[in-house]
Amino acid sequence: MMKKIGLLSIILLLNGCMTLKGDYRLVALDENGNDLAPKVQMLAQGTGIYRSKIVLCKAFPKATVRIYDTRTNEELKGKSPRKCR
């Protein structure tokens, strides 16, 4: 039982230490899917996506923010889309 608890603790700690790497493009969309800032390209590196998302949500409080990997153009799973409050 103690081995299982120890292993589970290590797994949880390792998951908490993982960071995002790469370059990302963030897009703010309205409820109809229209880009709210079509002339602006918001780029972020790694964990900078969190700050960038906050900035977009302050500028567009009811927007949905989508995050794309600039290399693959795929949406970032688990982090996108996010609805601003």
PDB file of N, CA and C in Angstrom:
ATOM      1  N   MET A   1       0.827  -1.192   0.000  1.00  0.00           N
ATOM      2  CA  MET A   1       0.000   0.000   0.000  1.00  0.00           C
ATOM      3  C   MET A   1       0.875   1.261   0.000  1.00  0.00           C
ATOM      4  N   MET A   2       1.927   1.270   0.810  1.00  0.00           N
ATOM      5  CA  MET A   2       2.813   2.432   0.883  1.00  0.00           C
ATOM      6  C   MET A   2       3.545   2.643  -0.445  1.00  0.00           C
ATOM      7  N   LYS A   3       3.882   1.534  -1.144  1.00  0.00           N
ATOM      8  CA  LYS A   3       4.549   1.655  -2.435  1.00  0.00           C
ATOM      9  C   LYS A   3       3.627   2.338  -3.438  1.00  0.00           C
ATOM     10  N   LYS A   4       2.344   1.977  -3.402  1.00  0.00           N
ATOM     11  CA  LYS A   4       1.377   2.577  -4.325  1.00  0.00           C
ATOM     12  C   LYS A   4       1.209   4.062  -4.039  1.00  0.00           C
ATOM     13  N   ILE A   5       1.153   4.427  -2.773  1.00  0.00           N
ATOM     14  CA  ILE A   5       1.009   5.839  -2.403  1.00  0.00           C
ATOM     15  C   ILE A   5       2.250   6.615  -2.828  1.00  0.00           C
ATOM     16  N   GLY A   6       3.422   6.029  -2.602  1.00  0.00           N
ATOM     17  CA  GLY A   6       4.672   6.678  -3.007  1.00  0.00           C
ATOM     18  C   GLY A   6       4.746   6.874  -4.510  1.00  0.00           C
ATOM     19  N   LEU A   7       4.371   5.849  -5.270  1.00  0.00           N
ATOM     20  CA  LEU A   7       4.389   5.929  -6.727  1.00  0.00           C
ATOM     21  C   LEU A   7       3.394   6.974  -7.224  1.00  0.00           C
ATOM     22  N   LEU A   8       2.215   6.983  -6.641  1.00  0.00           N
ATOM     23  CA  LEU A   8       1.199   7.964  -7.018  1.00  0.00           C
ATOM     24  C   LEU A   8       1.689   9.384  -6.730  1.00  0.00           C
ATOM     25  N   SER A   9       2.350   9.570  -5.601  1.00  0.00           N
ATOM     26  CA  SER A   9       2.888  10.891  -5.245  1.00  0.00           C
ATOM     27  C   SER A   9       3.933  11.348  -6.252  1.00  0.00           C
ATOM     28  N   ILE A  10       4.813  10.447  -6.663  1.00  0.00           N
ATOM     29  CA  ILE A  10       5.846  10.786  -7.646  1.00  0.00           C
ATOM     30  C   ILE A  10       5.210  11.167  -8.975  1.00  0.00           C
ATOM     31  N   ILE A  11       4.215  10.416  -9.407  1.00  0.00           N
ATOM     32  CA  ILE A  11       3.532  10.714 -10.670  1.00  0.00           C
ATOM     33  C   ILE A  11       2.874  12.084 -10.608  1.00  0.00           C
ATOM     34  N   LEU A  12       2.209  12.392  -9.503  1.00  0.00           N
ATOM     35  CA  LEU A  12       1.555  13.695  -9.362  1.00  0.00           C
ATOM     36  C   LEU A  12       2.572  14.831  -9.368  1.00  0.00           C
ATOM     37  N   LEU A  13       3.696  14.636  -8.699  1.00  0.00           N
ATOM     38  CA  LEU A  13       4.732  15.668  -8.678  1.00  0.00           C
ATOM     39  C   LEU A  13       5.329  15.886 -10.060  1.00  0.00           C
ATOM     40  N   LEU A  14       5.562  14.817 -10.796  1.00  0.00           N
ATOM     41  CA  LEU A  14       6.121  14.951 -12.141  1.00  0.00           C
ATOM     42  C   LEU A  14       5.149  15.656 -13.075  1.00  0.00           C
ATOM     43  N   ASN A  15       3.870  15.369 -12.951  1.00  0.00           N
ATOM     44  CA  ASN A  15       2.874  16.043 -13.781  1.00  0.00           C
ATOM     45  C   ASN A  15       2.835  17.529 -13.476  1.00  0.00           C
ATOM     46  N   GLY A  16       3.018  17.900 -12.221  1.00  0.00           N
ATOM     47  CA  GLY A  16       3.029  19.302 -11.841  1.00  0.00           C
ATOM     48  C   GLY A  16       4.248  20.036 -12.352  1.00  0.00           C
ATOM     49  N   CYS A  17       5.326  19.318 -12.631  1.00  0.00           N
ATOM     50  CA  CYS A  17       6.570  19.941 -13.092  1.00  0.00           C
ATOM     51  C   CYS A  17       6.625  20.111 -14.605  1.00  0.00           C
ATOM     52  N   MET A  18       5.723  19.494 -15.334  1.00  0.00           N
ATOM     53  CA  MET A  18       5.745  19.597 -16.787  1.00  0.00           C
ATOM     54  C   MET A  18       5.389  21.015 -17.214  1.00  0.00           C
ATOM     55  N   THR A  19       6.130  21.538 -18.165  1.00  0.00           N
ATOM     56  CA  THR A  19       5.859  22.870 -18.671  1.00  0.00           C
ATOM     57  C   THR A  19       5.637  22.803 -20.168  1.00  0.00           C
ATOM     58  N   LEU A  20       4.943  23.803 -20.669  1.00  0.00           N
ATOM     59  CA  LEU A  20       4.701  23.884 -22.100  1.00  0.00           C
ATOM     60  C   LEU A  20       5.944  24.417 -22.789  1.00  0.00           C
ATOM     61  N   LYS A  21       6.271  23.831 -23.915  1.00  0.00           N
ATOM     62  CA  LYS A  21       7.392  24.295 -24.726  1.00  0.00           C
ATOM     63  C   LYS A  21       6.872  24.516 -26.132  1.00  0.00           C
ATOM     64  N   GLY A  22       7.424  25.500 -26.788  1.00  0.00           N
ATOM     65  CA  GLY A  22       7.028  25.762 -28.160  1.00  0.00           C
ATOM     66  C   GLY A  22       6.448  27.153 -28.315  1.00  0.00           C
ATOM     67  N   ASP A  23       6.047  27.446 -29.534  1.00  0.00           N
ATOM     68  CA  ASP A  23       5.461  28.738 -29.864  1.00  0.00           C
ATOM     69  C   ASP A  23       3.989  28.534 -30.189  1.00  0.00           C
ATOM     70  N   TYR A  24       3.176  29.463 -29.702  1.00  0.00           N
ATOM     71  CA  TYR A  24       1.734  29.326 -29.844  1.00  0.00           C
ATOM     72  C   TYR A  24       1.115  30.619 -30.348  1.00  0.00           C
ATOM     73  N   ARG A  25       0.017  30.472 -31.069  1.00  0.00           N
ATOM     74  CA  ARG A  25      -0.769  31.599 -31.577  1.00  0.00           C
ATOM     75  C   ARG A  25      -2.108  31.572 -30.866  1.00  0.00           C
ATOM     76  N   LEU A  26      -2.524  32.717 -30.329  1.00  0.00           N
ATOM     77  CA  LEU A  26      -3.787  32.808 -29.613  1.00  0.00           C
ATOM     78  C   LEU A  26      -4.760  33.649 -30.419  1.00  0.00           C
ATOM     79  N   VAL A  27      -6.014  33.212 -30.452  1.00  0.00           N
ATOM     80  CA  VAL A  27      -7.054  33.898 -31.203  1.00  0.00           C
ATOM     81  C   VAL A  27      -8.259  34.083 -30.290  1.00  0.00           C
ATOM     82  N   ALA A  28      -8.822  35.301 -30.271  1.00  0.00           N
ATOM     83  CA  ALA A  28     -10.038  35.583 -29.504  1.00  0.00           C
ATOM     84  C   ALA A  28     -11.217  35.576 -30.471  1.00  0.00           C
ATOM     85  N   LEU A  29     -12.212  34.758 -30.164  1.00  0.00           N
ATOM     86  CA  LEU A  29     -13.378  34.615 -31.035  1.00  0.00           C
ATOM     87  C   LEU A  29     -14.648  35.016 -30.301  1.00  0.00           C
ATOM     88  N   ASP A  30     -15.629  35.569 -31.056  1.00  0.00           N
ATOM     89  CA  ASP A  30     -16.927  35.863 -30.456  1.00  0.00           C
ATOM     90  C   ASP A  30     -17.788  34.606 -30.477  1.00  0.00           C
ATOM     91  N   GLU A  31     -19.046  34.734 -30.024  1.00  0.00           N
ATOM     92  CA  GLU A  31     -19.914  33.551 -29.929  1.00  0.00           C
ATOM     93  C   GLU A  31     -20.245  32.940 -31.288  1.00  0.00           C
ATOM     94  N   ASN A  32     -20.043  33.710 -32.378  1.00  0.00           N
ATOM     95  CA  ASN A  32     -20.292  33.196 -33.727  1.00  0.00           C
ATOM     96  C   ASN A  32     -19.033  32.636 -34.385  1.00  0.00           C
ATOM     97  N   GLY A  33     -17.915  32.675 -33.671  1.00  0.00           N
ATOM     98  CA  GLY A  33     -16.666  32.156 -34.212  1.00  0.00           C
ATOM     99  C   GLY A  33     -15.874  33.160 -35.022  1.00  0.00           C
ATOM    100  N   ASN A  34     -16.274  34.437 -34.970  1.00  0.00           N
ATOM    101  CA  ASN A  34     -15.556  35.484 -35.698  1.00  0.00           C
ATOM    102  C   ASN A  34     -14.369  35.976 -34.881  1.00  0.00           C
ATOM    103  N   ASP A  35     -13.254  36.207 -35.560  1.00  0.00           N
ATOM    104  CA  ASP A  35     -12.043  36.712 -34.909  1.00  0.00           C
ATOM    105  C   ASP A  35     -12.302  38.141 -34.440  1.00  0.00           C
ATOM    106  N   LEU A  36     -12.101  38.400 -33.151  1.00  0.00           N
ATOM    107  CA  LEU A  36     -12.352  39.724 -32.586  1.00  0.00           C
ATOM    108  C   LEU A  36     -11.219  40.711 -32.863  1.00  0.00           C
ATOM    109  N   ALA A  37     -10.058  40.222 -33.216  1.00  0.00           N
ATOM    110  CA  ALA A  37      -8.914  41.085 -33.530  1.00  0.00           C
ATOM    111  C   ALA A  37      -8.213  40.541 -34.773  1.00  0.00           C
ATOM    112  N   PRO A  38      -8.874  40.642 -35.940  1.00  0.00           N
ATOM    113  CA  PRO A  38      -8.318  40.010 -37.144  1.00  0.00           C
ATOM    114  C   PRO A  38      -6.983  40.589 -37.607  1.00  0.00           C
ATOM    115  N   LYS A  39      -6.687  41.833 -37.237  1.00  0.00           N
ATOM    116  CA  LYS A  39      -5.435  42.449 -37.681  1.00  0.00           C
ATOM    117  C   LYS A  39      -4.309  42.282 -36.663  1.00  0.00           C
ATOM    118  N   VAL A  40      -4.604  41.588 -35.564  1.00  0.00           N
ATOM    119  CA  VAL A  40      -3.617  41.388 -34.503  1.00  0.00           C
ATOM    120  C   VAL A  40      -3.260  39.912 -34.434  1.00  0.00           C
ATOM    121  N   GLN A  41      -1.965  39.618 -34.401  1.00  0.00           N
ATOM    122  CA  GLN A  41      -1.526  38.233 -34.242  1.00  0.00           C
ATOM    123  C   GLN A  41      -0.830  38.112 -32.890  1.00  0.00           C
ATOM    124  N   MET A  42      -1.475  37.413 -31.955  1.00  0.00           N
ATOM    125  CA  MET A  42      -0.937  37.242 -30.602  1.00  0.00           C
ATOM    126  C   MET A  42      -0.141  35.949 -30.577  1.00  0.00           C
ATOM    127  N   LEU A  43       1.165  36.064 -30.298  1.00  0.00           N
ATOM    128  CA  LEU A  43       2.045  34.903 -30.204  1.00  0.00           C
ATOM    129  C   LEU A  43       2.592  34.810 -28.788  1.00  0.00           C
ATOM    130  N   ALA A  44       2.818  33.596 -28.321  1.00  0.00           N
ATOM    131  CA  ALA A  44       3.373  33.380 -26.985  1.00  0.00           C
ATOM    132  C   ALA A  44       4.288  32.170 -27.023  1.00  0.00           C
ATOM    133  N   GLN A  45       5.284  32.197 -26.140  1.00  0.00           N
ATOM    134  CA  GLN A  45       6.202  31.064 -26.003  1.00  0.00           C
ATOM    135  C   GLN A  45       5.901  30.327 -24.715  1.00  0.00           C
ATOM    136  N   GLY A  46       5.801  29.014 -24.807  1.00  0.00           N
ATOM    137  CA  GLY A  46       5.648  28.166 -23.623  1.00  0.00           C
ATOM    138  C   GLY A  46       4.545  28.611 -22.697  1.00  0.00           C
ATOM    139  N   THR A  47       4.895  28.780 -21.428  1.00  0.00           N
ATOM    140  CA  THR A  47       3.889  29.125 -20.425  1.00  0.00           C
ATOM    141  C   THR A  47       3.402  30.561 -20.556  1.00  0.00           C
ATOM    142  N   GLY A  48       3.965  31.328 -21.473  1.00  0.00           N
ATOM    143  CA  GLY A  48       3.484  32.680 -21.734  1.00  0.00           C
ATOM    144  C   GLY A  48       2.058  32.704 -22.252  1.00  0.00           C
ATOM    145  N   ILE A  49       1.536  31.538 -22.643  1.00  0.00           N
ATOM    146  CA  ILE A  49       0.152  31.490 -23.125  1.00  0.00           C
ATOM    147  C   ILE A  49      -0.823  31.896 -22.032  1.00  0.00           C
ATOM    148  N   TYR A  50      -0.479  31.646 -20.774  1.00  0.00           N
ATOM    149  CA  TYR A  50      -1.393  31.983 -19.686  1.00  0.00           C
ATOM    150  C   TYR A  50      -1.541  33.497 -19.559  1.00  0.00           C
ATOM    151  N   ARG A  51      -0.430  34.225 -19.602  1.00  0.00           N
ATOM    152  CA  ARG A  51      -0.485  35.690 -19.542  1.00  0.00           C
ATOM    153  C   ARG A  51      -1.197  36.250 -20.761  1.00  0.00           C
ATOM    154  N   SER A  52      -0.907  35.691 -21.919  1.00  0.00           N
ATOM    155  CA  SER A  52      -1.534  36.163 -23.154  1.00  0.00           C
ATOM    156  C   SER A  52      -3.037  35.941 -23.122  1.00  0.00           C
ATOM    157  N   LYS A  53      -3.454  34.812 -22.578  1.00  0.00           N
ATOM    158  CA  LYS A  53      -4.890  34.529 -22.464  1.00  0.00           C
ATOM    159  C   LYS A  53      -5.561  35.539 -21.539  1.00  0.00           C
ATOM    160  N   ILE A  54      -4.895  35.885 -20.446  1.00  0.00           N
ATOM    161  CA  ILE A  54      -5.444  36.870 -19.511  1.00  0.00           C
ATOM    162  C   ILE A  54      -5.613  38.224 -20.207  1.00  0.00           C
ATOM    163  N   VAL A  55      -4.610  38.621 -20.998  1.00  0.00           N
ATOM    164  CA  VAL A  55      -4.682  39.891 -21.723  1.00  0.00           C
ATOM    165  C   VAL A  55      -5.851  39.878 -22.700  1.00  0.00           C
ATOM    166  N   LEU A  56      -6.000  38.801 -23.459  1.00  0.00           N
ATOM    167  CA  LEU A  56      -7.111  38.707 -24.407  1.00  0.00           C
ATOM    168  C   LEU A  56      -8.456  38.745 -23.689  1.00  0.00           C
ATOM    169  N   CYS A  57      -8.560  38.077 -22.562  1.00  0.00           N
ATOM    170  CA  CYS A  57      -9.826  38.050 -21.823  1.00  0.00           C
ATOM    171  C   CYS A  57     -10.154  39.412 -21.212  1.00  0.00           C
ATOM    172  N   LYS A  58      -9.137  40.175 -20.844  1.00  0.00           N
ATOM    173  CA  LYS A  58      -9.392  41.536 -20.340  1.00  0.00           C
ATOM    174  C   LYS A  58      -9.874  42.439 -21.472  1.00  0.00           C
ATOM    175  N   ALA A  59      -9.319  42.256 -22.658  1.00  0.00           N
ATOM    176  CA  ALA A  59      -9.714  43.067 -23.811  1.00  0.00           C
ATOM    177  C   ALA A  59     -11.077  42.649 -24.360  1.00  0.00           C
ATOM    178  N   PHE A  60     -11.365  41.348 -24.307  1.00  0.00           N
ATOM    179  CA  PHE A  60     -12.614  40.804 -24.848  1.00  0.00           C
ATOM    180  C   PHE A  60     -13.236  39.868 -23.808  1.00  0.00           C
ATOM    181  N   PRO A  61     -13.964  40.425 -22.819  1.00  0.00           N
ATOM    182  CA  PRO A  61     -14.439  39.636 -21.668  1.00  0.00           C
ATOM    183  C   PRO A  61     -15.328  38.429 -21.995  1.00  0.00           C
ATOM    184  N   LYS A  62     -16.045  38.436 -23.089  1.00  0.00           N
ATOM    185  CA  LYS A  62     -16.942  37.314 -23.397  1.00  0.00           C
ATOM    186  C   LYS A  62     -16.402  36.429 -24.518  1.00  0.00           C
ATOM    187  N   ALA A  63     -15.132  36.586 -24.832  1.00  0.00           N
ATOM    188  CA  ALA A  63     -14.528  35.850 -25.946  1.00  0.00           C
ATOM    189  C   ALA A  63     -14.234  34.399 -25.583  1.00  0.00           C
ATOM    190  N   THR A  64     -14.025  33.616 -26.615  1.00  0.00           N
ATOM    191  CA  THR A  64     -13.481  32.272 -26.479  1.00  0.00           C
ATOM    192  C   THR A  64     -12.072  32.330 -27.052  1.00  0.00           C
ATOM    193  N   VAL A  65     -11.094  31.917 -26.265  1.00  0.00           N
ATOM    194  CA  VAL A  65      -9.696  31.960 -26.699  1.00  0.00           C
ATOM    195  C   VAL A  65      -9.281  30.572 -27.170  1.00  0.00           C
ATOM    196  N   ARG A  66      -8.751  30.527 -28.371  1.00  0.00           N
ATOM    197  CA  ARG A  66      -8.222  29.280 -28.924  1.00  0.00           C
ATOM    198  C   ARG A  66      -6.714  29.431 -29.075  1.00  0.00           C
ATOM    199  N   ILE A  67      -5.999  28.347 -28.755  1.00  0.00           N
ATOM    200  CA  ILE A  67      -4.542  28.366 -28.779  1.00  0.00           C
ATOM    201  C   ILE A  67      -4.062  27.313 -29.777  1.00  0.00           C
ATOM    202  N   TYR A  68      -3.207  27.744 -30.709  1.00  0.00           N
ATOM    203  CA  TYR A  68      -2.702  26.855 -31.753  1.00  0.00           C
ATOM    204  C   TYR A  68      -1.180  26.790 -31.708  1.00  0.00           C
ATOM    205  N   ASP A  69      -0.644  25.617 -31.950  1.00  0.00           N
ATOM    206  CA  ASP A  69       0.800  25.429 -32.085  1.00  0.00           C
ATOM    207  C   ASP A  69       1.202  26.034 -33.428  1.00  0.00           C
ATOM    208  N   THR A  70       2.171  26.951 -33.428  1.00  0.00           N
ATOM    209  CA  THR A  70       2.551  27.613 -34.683  1.00  0.00           C
ATOM    210  C   THR A  70       3.270  26.675 -35.648  1.00  0.00           C
ATOM    211  N   ARG A  71       3.877  25.636 -35.134  1.00  0.00           N
ATOM    212  CA  ARG A  71       4.610  24.689 -35.989  1.00  0.00           C
ATOM    213  C   ARG A  71       3.662  23.738 -36.712  1.00  0.00           C
ATOM    214  N   THR A  72       2.672  23.204 -35.981  1.00  0.00           N
ATOM    215  CA  THR A  72       1.765  22.206 -36.558  1.00  0.00           C
ATOM    216  C   THR A  72       0.400  22.779 -36.921  1.00  0.00           C
ATOM    217  N   ASN A  73       0.094  23.970 -36.419  1.00  0.00           N
ATOM    218  CA  ASN A  73      -1.205  24.624 -36.589  1.00  0.00           C
ATOM    219  C   ASN A  73      -2.345  23.832 -35.947  1.00  0.00           C
ATOM    220  N   GLU A  74      -2.011  22.940 -35.016  1.00  0.00           N
ATOM    221  CA  GLU A  74      -3.030  22.178 -34.293  1.00  0.00           C
ATOM    222  C   GLU A  74      -3.385  22.899 -33.004  1.00  0.00           C
ATOM    223  N   GLU A  75      -4.660  22.761 -32.622  1.00  0.00           N
ATOM    224  CA  GLU A  75      -5.116  23.368 -31.375  1.00  0.00           C
ATOM    225  C   GLU A  75      -4.474  22.644 -30.192  1.00  0.00           C
ATOM    226  N   LEU A  76      -4.104  23.401 -29.169  1.00  0.00           N
ATOM    227  CA  LEU A  76      -3.435  22.856 -27.994  1.00  0.00           C
ATOM    228  C   LEU A  76      -4.450  22.131 -27.122  1.00  0.00           C
ATOM    229  N   LYS A  77      -4.351  20.821 -27.091  1.00  0.00           N
ATOM    230  CA  LYS A  77      -5.308  19.998 -26.348  1.00  0.00           C
ATOM    231  C   LYS A  77      -5.178  20.234 -24.854  1.00  0.00           C
ATOM    232  N   GLY A  78      -6.307  20.328 -24.176  1.00  0.00           N
ATOM    233  CA  GLY A  78      -6.330  20.515 -22.737  1.00  0.00           C
ATOM    234  C   GLY A  78      -6.252  21.973 -22.309  1.00  0.00           C
ATOM    235  N   LYS A  79      -5.809  22.853 -23.193  1.00  0.00           N
ATOM    236  CA  LYS A  79      -5.692  24.280 -22.871  1.00  0.00           C
ATOM    237  C   LYS A  79      -6.588  25.141 -23.750  1.00  0.00           C
ATOM    238  N   SER A  80      -7.134  24.549 -24.779  1.00  0.00           N
ATOM    239  CA  SER A  80      -7.913  25.301 -25.742  1.00  0.00           C
ATOM    240  C   SER A  80      -9.105  24.463 -26.190  1.00  0.00           C
ATOM    241  N   PRO A  81     -10.263  25.059 -26.382  1.00  0.00           N
ATOM    242  CA  PRO A  81     -10.609  26.468 -26.200  1.00  0.00           C
ATOM    243  C   PRO A  81     -10.914  26.790 -24.736  1.00  0.00           C
ATOM    244  N   ARG A  82     -10.827  28.073 -24.414  1.00  0.00           N
ATOM    245  CA  ARG A  82     -11.155  28.561 -23.072  1.00  0.00           C
ATOM    246  C   ARG A  82     -12.097  29.748 -23.201  1.00  0.00           C
ATOM    247  N   LYS A  83     -13.144  29.739 -22.416  1.00  0.00           N
ATOM    248  CA  LYS A  83     -14.132  30.821 -22.408  1.00  0.00           C
ATOM    249  C   LYS A  83     -13.731  31.863 -21.374  1.00  0.00           C
ATOM    250  N   CYS A  84     -13.664  33.123 -21.794  1.00  0.00           N
ATOM    251  CA  CYS A  84     -13.367  34.214 -20.853  1.00  0.00           C
ATOM    252  C   CYS A  84     -14.591  34.462 -19.979  1.00  0.00           C
ATOM    253  N   ARG A  85     -14.343  34.905 -18.769  1.00  0.00           N
ATOM    254  CA  ARG A  85     -15.454  35.188 -17.840  1.00  0.00           C
ATOM    255  C   ARG A  85     -15.640  36.661 -17.660  1.00  0.00           C
TER     256      ARG A  85
END
